[in-house]
């Protein structure tokens, strides 16, 4: 992933704000996966230092997806619940 300074500058840019607004309007504000309220515009090809300047990745609508917070967290594997396992006798297995 790109360094915070470069990412911060990109996400504050007028170009990103416009691309984000276009995506939100095009999807009528709905999550493109579950139909819930879309809150976060996700890059399907993740941004890196090497592709941040490539507008076909950073700004192209085909690479953007409006997601609700839950779907976006799921996409990035955030806040995964660990599966708790028990044996046949009900003993905790980890």
PDB file of N, CA and C in Angstrom:
ATOM      1  N   UNK A   1       0.857  -1.182   0.000  1.00  0.00           N
ATOM      2  CA  UNK A   1       0.000   0.000   0.000  1.00  0.00           C
ATOM      3  C   UNK A   1       0.901   1.243   0.000  1.00  0.00           C
ATOM      4  N   UNK A   2       0.405   2.301  -0.552  1.00  0.00           N
ATOM      5  CA  UNK A   2       1.168   3.542  -0.637  1.00  0.00           C
ATOM      6  C   UNK A   2       1.413   4.115   0.755  1.00  0.00           C
ATOM      7  N   UNK A   3       2.432   4.956   0.847  1.00  0.00           N
ATOM      8  CA  UNK A   3       2.740   5.599   2.125  1.00  0.00           C
ATOM      9  C   UNK A   3       1.604   6.538   2.517  1.00  0.00           C
ATOM     10  N   UNK A   4       1.377   6.693   3.821  1.00  0.00           N
ATOM     11  CA  UNK A   4       0.264   7.536   4.289  1.00  0.00           C
ATOM     12  C   UNK A   4       0.248   8.944   3.701  1.00  0.00           C
ATOM     13  N   UNK A   5       1.401   9.579   3.569  1.00  0.00           N
ATOM     14  CA  UNK A   5       1.438  10.953   3.056  1.00  0.00           C
ATOM     15  C   UNK A   5       0.898  11.031   1.628  1.00  0.00           C
ATOM     16  N   UNK A   6       1.342  10.114   0.782  1.00  0.00           N
ATOM     17  CA  UNK A   6       0.878  10.106  -0.604  1.00  0.00           C
ATOM     18  C   UNK A   6      -0.609   9.756  -0.686  1.00  0.00           C
ATOM     19  N   UNK A   7      -1.024   8.773   0.112  1.00  0.00           N
ATOM     20  CA  UNK A   7      -2.438   8.401   0.120  1.00  0.00           C
ATOM     21  C   UNK A   7      -3.302   9.542   0.627  1.00  0.00           C
ATOM     22  N   UNK A   8      -2.871  10.179   1.706  1.00  0.00           N
ATOM     23  CA  UNK A   8      -3.633  11.295   2.270  1.00  0.00           C
ATOM     24  C   UNK A   8      -3.812  12.388   1.219  1.00  0.00           C
ATOM     25  N   UNK A   9      -2.742  12.701   0.517  1.00  0.00           N
ATOM     26  CA  UNK A   9      -2.802  13.731  -0.525  1.00  0.00           C
ATOM     27  C   UNK A   9      -3.757  13.303  -1.638  1.00  0.00           C
ATOM     28  N   UNK A  10      -3.692  12.040  -2.049  1.00  0.00           N
ATOM     29  CA  UNK A  10      -4.575  11.546  -3.105  1.00  0.00           C
ATOM     30  C   UNK A  10      -6.040  11.635  -2.682  1.00  0.00           C
ATOM     31  N   UNK A  11      -6.353  11.142  -1.483  1.00  0.00           N
ATOM     32  CA  UNK A  11      -7.750  11.119  -1.041  1.00  0.00           C
ATOM     33  C   UNK A  11      -8.313  12.508  -0.737  1.00  0.00           C
ATOM     34  N   UNK A  12      -7.477  13.510  -0.636  1.00  0.00           N
ATOM     35  CA  UNK A  12      -7.926  14.895  -0.470  1.00  0.00           C
ATOM     36  C   UNK A  12      -8.015  15.627  -1.803  1.00  0.00           C
ATOM     37  N   UNK A  13      -7.556  14.996  -2.873  1.00  0.00           N
ATOM     38  CA  UNK A  13      -7.501  15.670  -4.171  1.00  0.00           C
ATOM     39  C   UNK A  13      -8.893  15.867  -4.764  1.00  0.00           C
ATOM     40  N   UNK A  14      -9.008  16.902  -5.582  1.00  0.00           N
ATOM     41  CA  UNK A  14     -10.276  17.179  -6.275  1.00  0.00           C
ATOM     42  C   UNK A  14     -10.611  16.042  -7.235  1.00  0.00           C
ATOM     43  N   UNK A  15      -9.592  15.466  -7.861  1.00  0.00           N
ATOM     44  CA  UNK A  15      -9.825  14.371  -8.808  1.00  0.00           C
ATOM     45  C   UNK A  15     -10.470  13.178  -8.101  1.00  0.00           C
ATOM     46  N   UNK A  16      -9.967  12.812  -6.914  1.00  0.00           N
ATOM     47  CA  UNK A  16     -10.550  11.698  -6.175  1.00  0.00           C
ATOM     48  C   UNK A  16     -11.963  12.038  -5.696  1.00  0.00           C
ATOM     49  N   UNK A  17     -12.154  13.239  -5.191  1.00  0.00           N
ATOM     50  CA  UNK A  17     -13.477  13.634  -4.703  1.00  0.00           C
ATOM     51  C   UNK A  17     -14.511  13.560  -5.826  1.00  0.00           C
ATOM     52  N   UNK A  18     -14.111  13.964  -7.034  1.00  0.00           N
ATOM     53  CA  UNK A  18     -15.007  13.897  -8.182  1.00  0.00           C
ATOM     54  C   UNK A  18     -15.287  12.439  -8.562  1.00  0.00           C
ATOM     55  N   UNK A  19     -14.238  11.609  -8.650  1.00  0.00           N
ATOM     56  CA  UNK A  19     -14.421  10.193  -9.009  1.00  0.00           C
ATOM     57  C   UNK A  19     -15.319   9.497  -7.991  1.00  0.00           C
ATOM     58  N   UNK A  20     -15.130   9.807  -6.718  1.00  0.00           N
ATOM     59  CA  UNK A  20     -15.936   9.229  -5.636  1.00  0.00           C
ATOM     60  C   UNK A  20     -17.405   9.648  -5.779  1.00  0.00           C
ATOM     61  N   UNK A  21     -17.631  10.923  -6.030  1.00  0.00           N
ATOM     62  CA  UNK A  21     -18.994  11.437  -6.193  1.00  0.00           C
ATOM     63  C   UNK A  21     -19.686  10.801  -7.387  1.00  0.00           C
ATOM     64  N   UNK A  22     -18.968  10.651  -8.483  1.00  0.00           N
ATOM     65  CA  UNK A  22     -19.535  10.020  -9.680  1.00  0.00           C
ATOM     66  C   UNK A  22     -19.954   8.587  -9.355  1.00  0.00           C
ATOM     67  N   UNK A  23     -19.110   7.834  -8.643  1.00  0.00           N
ATOM     68  CA  UNK A  23     -19.436   6.448  -8.294  1.00  0.00           C
ATOM     69  C   UNK A  23     -20.661   6.394  -7.392  1.00  0.00           C
ATOM     70  N   UNK A  24     -20.727   7.245  -6.395  1.00  0.00           N
ATOM     71  CA  UNK A  24     -21.871   7.266  -5.477  1.00  0.00           C
ATOM     72  C   UNK A  24     -23.156   7.575  -6.233  1.00  0.00           C
ATOM     73  N   UNK A  25     -23.112   8.561  -7.114  1.00  0.00           N
ATOM     74  CA  UNK A  25     -24.291   8.921  -7.901  1.00  0.00           C
ATOM     75  C   UNK A  25     -24.696   7.803  -8.870  1.00  0.00           C
ATOM     76  N   UNK A  26     -23.714   7.170  -9.489  1.00  0.00           N
ATOM     77  CA  UNK A  26     -23.993   6.108 -10.463  1.00  0.00           C
ATOM     78  C   UNK A  26     -24.654   4.898  -9.813  1.00  0.00           C
ATOM     79  N   UNK A  27     -24.356   4.665  -8.550  1.00  0.00           N
ATOM     80  CA  UNK A  27     -24.912   3.506  -7.841  1.00  0.00           C
ATOM     81  C   UNK A  27     -26.099   3.889  -6.964  1.00  0.00           C
ATOM     82  N   UNK A  28     -26.512   5.140  -7.072  1.00  0.00           N
ATOM     83  CA  UNK A  28     -27.605   5.678  -6.267  1.00  0.00           C
ATOM     84  C   UNK A  28     -27.363   5.472  -4.774  1.00  0.00           C
ATOM     85  N   UNK A  29     -26.084   5.500  -4.408  1.00  0.00           N
ATOM     86  CA  UNK A  29     -25.705   5.412  -2.999  1.00  0.00           C
ATOM     87  C   UNK A  29     -25.864   4.044  -2.370  1.00  0.00           C
ATOM     88  N   UNK A  30     -26.016   2.998  -3.212  1.00  0.00           N
ATOM     89  CA  UNK A  30     -26.222   1.651  -2.681  1.00  0.00           C
ATOM     90  C   UNK A  30     -24.964   0.809  -2.808  1.00  0.00           C
ATOM     91  N   UNK A  31     -24.719   0.006  -1.776  1.00  0.00           N
ATOM     92  CA  UNK A  31     -23.608  -0.941  -1.808  1.00  0.00           C
ATOM     93  C   UNK A  31     -23.789  -1.859  -3.005  1.00  0.00           C
ATOM     94  N   UNK A  32     -22.734  -2.015  -3.777  1.00  0.00           N
ATOM     95  CA  UNK A  32     -22.818  -2.818  -4.991  1.00  0.00           C
ATOM     96  C   UNK A  32     -22.795  -4.318  -4.713  1.00  0.00           C
ATOM     97  N   UNK A  33     -22.612  -4.694  -3.463  1.00  0.00           N
ATOM     98  CA  UNK A  33     -22.618  -6.117  -3.122  1.00  0.00           C
ATOM     99  C   UNK A  33     -23.897  -6.541  -2.406  1.00  0.00           C
ATOM    100  N   UNK A  34     -24.319  -5.771  -1.419  1.00  0.00           N
ATOM    101  CA  UNK A  34     -25.473  -6.199  -0.619  1.00  0.00           C
ATOM    102  C   UNK A  34     -26.695  -5.309  -0.782  1.00  0.00           C
ATOM    103  N   UNK A  35     -26.544  -4.157  -1.423  1.00  0.00           N
ATOM    104  CA  UNK A  35     -27.666  -3.255  -1.624  1.00  0.00           C
ATOM    105  C   UNK A  35     -27.923  -2.324  -0.453  1.00  0.00           C
ATOM    106  N   UNK A  36     -27.102  -2.416   0.587  1.00  0.00           N
ATOM    107  CA  UNK A  36     -27.239  -1.524   1.743  1.00  0.00           C
ATOM    108  C   UNK A  36     -26.765  -0.117   1.391  1.00  0.00           C
ATOM    109  N   UNK A  37     -26.647   0.704   2.401  1.00  0.00           N
ATOM    110  CA  UNK A  37     -26.189   2.080   2.196  1.00  0.00           C
ATOM    111  C   UNK A  37     -24.683   2.067   1.927  1.00  0.00           C
ATOM    112  N   UNK A  38     -24.307   2.533   0.734  1.00  0.00           N
ATOM    113  CA  UNK A  38     -22.898   2.600   0.368  1.00  0.00           C
ATOM    114  C   UNK A  38     -22.217   3.754   1.072  1.00  0.00           C
ATOM    115  N   UNK A  39     -21.076   3.478   1.685  1.00  0.00           N
ATOM    116  CA  UNK A  39     -20.360   4.508   2.438  1.00  0.00           C
ATOM    117  C   UNK A  39     -18.926   4.707   1.974  1.00  0.00           C
ATOM    118  N   UNK A  40     -18.330   3.681   1.398  1.00  0.00           N
ATOM    119  CA  UNK A  40     -16.904   3.724   1.091  1.00  0.00           C
ATOM    120  C   UNK A  40     -16.661   3.269  -0.342  1.00  0.00           C
ATOM    121  N   UNK A  41     -15.895   4.060  -1.075  1.00  0.00           N
ATOM    122  CA  UNK A  41     -15.550   3.695  -2.442  1.00  0.00           C
ATOM    123  C   UNK A  41     -14.248   2.902  -2.391  1.00  0.00           C
ATOM    124  N   UNK A  42     -14.331   1.675  -2.882  1.00  0.00           N
ATOM    125  CA  UNK A  42     -13.240   0.709  -2.816  1.00  0.00           C
ATOM    126  C   UNK A  42     -12.548   0.593  -4.162  1.00  0.00           C
ATOM    127  N   UNK A  43     -11.215   0.502  -4.133  1.00  0.00           N
ATOM    128  CA  UNK A  43     -10.435   0.225  -5.339  1.00  0.00           C
ATOM    129  C   UNK A  43     -10.323  -1.290  -5.486  1.00  0.00           C
ATOM    130  N   UNK A  44     -10.848  -1.839  -6.571  1.00  0.00           N
ATOM    131  CA  UNK A  44     -10.773  -3.279  -6.775  1.00  0.00           C
ATOM    132  C   UNK A  44      -9.336  -3.741  -6.967  1.00  0.00           C
ATOM    133  N   UNK A  45      -8.561  -2.975  -7.733  1.00  0.00           N
ATOM    134  CA  UNK A  45      -7.113  -3.184  -7.778  1.00  0.00           C
ATOM    135  C   UNK A  45      -6.554  -2.208  -6.757  1.00  0.00           C
ATOM    136  N   UNK A  46      -5.950  -2.725  -5.708  1.00  0.00           N
ATOM    137  CA  UNK A  46      -5.514  -1.886  -4.593  1.00  0.00           C
ATOM    138  C   UNK A  46      -4.429  -0.906  -4.999  1.00  0.00           C
ATOM    139  N   UNK A  47      -4.486   0.262  -4.375  1.00  0.00           N
ATOM    140  CA  UNK A  47      -3.495   1.297  -4.643  1.00  0.00           C
ATOM    141  C   UNK A  47      -2.165   0.961  -3.997  1.00  0.00           C
ATOM    142  N   UNK A  48      -1.105   1.226  -4.722  1.00  0.00           N
ATOM    143  CA  UNK A  48       0.264   1.078  -4.218  1.00  0.00           C
ATOM    144  C   UNK A  48       1.039   2.323  -4.637  1.00  0.00           C
ATOM    145  N   UNK A  49       2.242   2.451  -4.128  1.00  0.00           N
ATOM    146  CA  UNK A  49       3.085   3.575  -4.551  1.00  0.00           C
ATOM    147  C   UNK A  49       3.317   3.543  -6.057  1.00  0.00           C
ATOM    148  N   UNK A  50       3.439   2.346  -6.601  1.00  0.00           N
ATOM    149  CA  UNK A  50       3.745   2.249  -8.030  1.00  0.00           C
ATOM    150  C   UNK A  50       2.535   2.503  -8.933  1.00  0.00           C
ATOM    151  N   UNK A  51       1.301   2.348  -8.419  1.00  0.00           N
ATOM    152  CA  UNK A  51       0.152   2.569  -9.302  1.00  0.00           C
ATOM    153  C   UNK A  51      -0.714   3.759  -8.898  1.00  0.00           C
ATOM    154  N   UNK A  52      -0.348   4.476  -7.856  1.00  0.00           N
ATOM    155  CA  UNK A  52      -1.140   5.606  -7.391  1.00  0.00           C
ATOM    156  C   UNK A  52      -1.328   6.652  -8.490  1.00  0.00           C
ATOM    157  N   UNK A  53      -0.319   6.855  -9.330  1.00  0.00           N
ATOM    158  CA  UNK A  53      -0.402   7.833 -10.412  1.00  0.00           C
ATOM    159  C   UNK A  53      -1.070   7.308 -11.677  1.00  0.00           C
ATOM    160  N   UNK A  54      -1.412   6.034 -11.698  1.00  0.00           N
ATOM    161  CA  UNK A  54      -2.062   5.421 -12.859  1.00  0.00           C
ATOM    162  C   UNK A  54      -3.568   5.635 -12.732  1.00  0.00           C
ATOM    163  N   UNK A  55      -4.106   6.574 -13.499  1.00  0.00           N
ATOM    164  CA  UNK A  55      -5.515   6.924 -13.359  1.00  0.00           C
ATOM    165  C   UNK A  55      -6.461   5.783 -13.752  1.00  0.00           C
ATOM    166  N   UNK A  56      -5.973   4.807 -14.522  1.00  0.00           N
ATOM    167  CA  UNK A  56      -6.820   3.658 -14.848  1.00  0.00           C
ATOM    168  C   UNK A  56      -7.049   2.787 -13.618  1.00  0.00           C
ATOM    169  N   UNK A  57      -6.225   2.961 -12.609  1.00  0.00           N
ATOM    170  CA  UNK A  57      -6.398   2.241 -11.341  1.00  0.00           C
ATOM    171  C   UNK A  57      -6.956   3.168 -10.272  1.00  0.00           C
ATOM    172  N   UNK A  58      -6.386   4.354 -10.145  1.00  0.00           N
ATOM    173  CA  UNK A  58      -6.761   5.232  -9.031  1.00  0.00           C
ATOM    174  C   UNK A  58      -8.084   5.956  -9.222  1.00  0.00           C
ATOM    175  N   UNK A  59      -8.463   6.254 -10.469  1.00  0.00           N
ATOM    176  CA  UNK A  59      -9.651   7.079 -10.702  1.00  0.00           C
ATOM    177  C   UNK A  59     -10.691   6.477 -11.637  1.00  0.00           C
ATOM    178  N   UNK A  60     -10.354   5.454 -12.389  1.00  0.00           N
ATOM    179  CA  UNK A  60     -11.275   4.884 -13.369  1.00  0.00           C
ATOM    180  C   UNK A  60     -12.472   4.238 -12.676  1.00  0.00           C
ATOM    181  N   UNK A  61     -13.655   4.601 -13.113  1.00  0.00           N
ATOM    182  CA  UNK A  61     -14.885   4.081 -12.515  1.00  0.00           C
ATOM    183  C   UNK A  61     -14.963   2.553 -12.574  1.00  0.00           C
ATOM    184  N   UNK A  62     -14.343   1.950 -13.573  1.00  0.00           N
ATOM    185  CA  UNK A  62     -14.376   0.484 -13.694  1.00  0.00           C
ATOM    186  C   UNK A  62     -13.606  -0.197 -12.564  1.00  0.00           C
ATOM    187  N   UNK A  63     -12.688   0.526 -11.941  1.00  0.00           N
ATOM    188  CA  UNK A  63     -11.905  -0.037 -10.832  1.00  0.00           C
ATOM    189  C   UNK A  63     -12.480   0.345  -9.466  1.00  0.00           C
ATOM    190  N   UNK A  64     -13.553   1.116  -9.460  1.00  0.00           N
ATOM    191  CA  UNK A  64     -14.137   1.575  -8.202  1.00  0.00           C
ATOM    192  C   UNK A  64     -15.434   0.837  -7.920  1.00  0.00           C
ATOM    193  N   UNK A  65     -15.690   0.622  -6.650  1.00  0.00           N
ATOM    194  CA  UNK A  65     -16.891  -0.088  -6.226  1.00  0.00           C
ATOM    195  C   UNK A  65     -17.394   0.564  -4.941  1.00  0.00           C
ATOM    196  N   UNK A  66     -18.659   0.948  -4.913  1.00  0.00           N
ATOM    197  CA  UNK A  66     -19.241   1.521  -3.711  1.00  0.00           C
ATOM    198  C   UNK A  66     -19.681   0.389  -2.798  1.00  0.00           C
ATOM    199  N   UNK A  67     -19.183   0.410  -1.565  1.00  0.00           N
ATOM    200  CA  UNK A  67     -19.489  -0.639  -0.598  1.00  0.00           C
ATOM    201  C   UNK A  67     -19.991  -0.041   0.707  1.00  0.00           C
ATOM    202  N   UNK A  68     -20.812  -0.808   1.407  1.00  0.00           N
ATOM    203  CA  UNK A  68     -21.161  -0.425   2.776  1.00  0.00           C
ATOM    204  C   UNK A  68     -19.938  -0.735   3.643  1.00  0.00           C
ATOM    205  N   UNK A  69     -19.947  -0.256   4.845  1.00  0.00           N
ATOM    206  CA  UNK A  69     -18.794  -0.458   5.723  1.00  0.00           C
ATOM    207  C   UNK A  69     -18.544  -1.948   5.977  1.00  0.00           C
ATOM    208  N   UNK A  70     -19.608  -2.719   6.189  1.00  0.00           N
ATOM    209  CA  UNK A  70     -19.431  -4.153   6.463  1.00  0.00           C
ATOM    210  C   UNK A  70     -18.812  -4.882   5.277  1.00  0.00           C
ATOM    211  N   UNK A  71     -19.308  -4.631   4.072  1.00  0.00           N
ATOM    212  CA  UNK A  71     -18.746  -5.283   2.887  1.00  0.00           C
ATOM    213  C   UNK A  71     -17.303  -4.846   2.642  1.00  0.00           C
ATOM    214  N   UNK A  72     -16.995  -3.577   2.906  1.00  0.00           N
ATOM    215  CA  UNK A  72     -15.625  -3.098   2.724  1.00  0.00           C
ATOM    216  C   UNK A  72     -14.693  -3.742   3.737  1.00  0.00           C
ATOM    217  N   UNK A  73     -15.140  -3.837   4.986  1.00  0.00           N
ATOM    218  CA  UNK A  73     -14.325  -4.507   6.009  1.00  0.00           C
ATOM    219  C   UNK A  73     -14.118  -5.975   5.657  1.00  0.00           C
ATOM    220  N   UNK A  74     -15.162  -6.621   5.154  1.00  0.00           N
ATOM    221  CA  UNK A  74     -15.056  -8.021   4.751  1.00  0.00           C
ATOM    222  C   UNK A  74     -14.057  -8.168   3.604  1.00  0.00           C
ATOM    223  N   UNK A  75     -14.112  -7.262   2.631  1.00  0.00           N
ATOM    224  CA  UNK A  75     -13.196  -7.296   1.490  1.00  0.00           C
ATOM    225  C   UNK A  75     -11.738  -7.245   1.943  1.00  0.00           C
ATOM    226  N   UNK A  76     -11.468  -6.441   2.962  1.00  0.00           N
ATOM    227  CA  UNK A  76     -10.097  -6.276   3.440  1.00  0.00           C
ATOM    228  C   UNK A  76      -9.761  -7.206   4.599  1.00  0.00           C
ATOM    229  N   UNK A  77     -10.700  -8.060   4.976  1.00  0.00           N
ATOM    230  CA  UNK A  77     -10.447  -9.011   6.059  1.00  0.00           C
ATOM    231  C   UNK A  77     -10.314  -8.357   7.419  1.00  0.00           C
ATOM    232  N   UNK A  78     -10.953  -7.219   7.586  1.00  0.00           N
ATOM    233  CA  UNK A  78     -10.890  -6.513   8.865  1.00  0.00           C
ATOM    234  C   UNK A  78     -11.920  -7.087   9.835  1.00  0.00           C
ATOM    235  N   UNK A  79     -11.554  -7.111  11.098  1.00  0.00           N
ATOM    236  CA  UNK A  79     -12.462  -7.466  12.185  1.00  0.00           C
ATOM    237  C   UNK A  79     -13.062  -8.853  12.018  1.00  0.00           C
ATOM    238  N   UNK A  80     -12.274  -9.771  11.471  1.00  0.00           N
ATOM    239  CA  UNK A  80     -12.765 -11.138  11.327  1.00  0.00           C
ATOM    240  C   UNK A  80     -12.962 -11.752  12.700  1.00  0.00           C
ATOM    241  N   UNK A  81     -14.063 -12.442  12.832  1.00  0.00           N
ATOM    242  CA  UNK A  81     -14.315 -13.174  14.065  1.00  0.00           C
ATOM    243  C   UNK A  81     -13.589 -14.502  13.960  1.00  0.00           C
ATOM    244  N   UNK A  82     -12.846 -14.829  14.999  1.00  0.00           N
ATOM    245  CA  UNK A  82     -12.170 -16.115  15.019  1.00  0.00           C
ATOM    246  C   UNK A  82     -13.184 -17.199  15.335  1.00  0.00           C
ATOM    247  N   UNK A  83     -13.055 -18.286  14.628  1.00  0.00           N
ATOM    248  CA  UNK A  83     -13.926 -19.419  14.898  1.00  0.00           C
ATOM    249  C   UNK A  83     -13.448 -20.093  16.177  1.00  0.00           C
ATOM    250  N   UNK A  84     -14.369 -20.334  17.075  1.00  0.00           N
ATOM    251  CA  UNK A  84     -14.049 -21.008  18.326  1.00  0.00           C
ATOM    252  C   UNK A  84     -14.410 -22.472  18.169  1.00  0.00           C
ATOM    253  N   UNK A  85     -13.459 -23.352  18.459  1.00  0.00           N
ATOM    254  CA  UNK A  85     -13.665 -24.781  18.264  1.00  0.00           C
ATOM    255  C   UNK A  85     -13.745 -25.515  19.588  1.00  0.00           C
ATOM    256  N   UNK A  86     -14.632 -26.505  19.627  1.00  0.00           N
ATOM    257  CA  UNK A  86     -14.789 -27.356  20.795  1.00  0.00           C
ATOM    258  C   UNK A  86     -14.784 -28.808  20.327  1.00  0.00           C
ATOM    259  N   UNK A  87     -14.274 -29.695  21.163  1.00  0.00           N
ATOM    260  CA  UNK A  87     -14.316 -31.122  20.823  1.00  0.00           C
ATOM    261  C   UNK A  87     -15.690 -31.687  21.157  1.00  0.00           C
ATOM    262  N   UNK A  88     -15.862 -32.982  20.944  1.00  0.00           N
ATOM    263  CA  UNK A  88     -17.166 -33.622  21.162  1.00  0.00           C
ATOM    264  C   UNK A  88     -17.634 -33.557  22.614  1.00  0.00           C
ATOM    265  N   UNK A  89     -16.667 -33.376  23.542  1.00  0.00           N
ATOM    266  CA  UNK A  89     -17.023 -33.285  24.957  1.00  0.00           C
ATOM    267  C   UNK A  89     -17.259 -31.834  25.405  1.00  0.00           C
ATOM    268  N   UNK A  90     -17.163 -30.903  24.465  1.00  0.00           N
ATOM    269  CA  UNK A  90     -17.390 -29.497  24.799  1.00  0.00           C
ATOM    270  C   UNK A  90     -16.161 -28.781  25.323  1.00  0.00           C
ATOM    271  N   UNK A  91     -14.992 -29.408  25.188  1.00  0.00           N
ATOM    272  CA  UNK A  91     -13.753 -28.775  25.643  1.00  0.00           C
ATOM    273  C   UNK A  91     -13.220 -27.824  24.585  1.00  0.00           C
ATOM    274  N   UNK A  92     -12.776 -26.660  25.025  1.00  0.00           N
ATOM    275  CA  UNK A  92     -12.235 -25.635  24.145  1.00  0.00           C
ATOM    276  C   UNK A  92     -10.978 -26.143  23.454  1.00  0.00           C
ATOM    277  N   UNK A  93     -10.927 -25.990  22.117  1.00  0.00           N
ATOM    278  CA  UNK A  93      -9.780 -26.466  21.341  1.00  0.00           C
ATOM    279  C   UNK A  93      -8.963 -25.311  20.772  1.00  0.00           C
ATOM    280  N   UNK A  94      -9.407 -24.097  20.920  1.00  0.00           N
ATOM    281  CA  UNK A  94      -8.628 -22.957  20.430  1.00  0.00           C
ATOM    282  C   UNK A  94      -9.156 -22.291  19.217  1.00  0.00           C
TER     283      UNK A  94
END
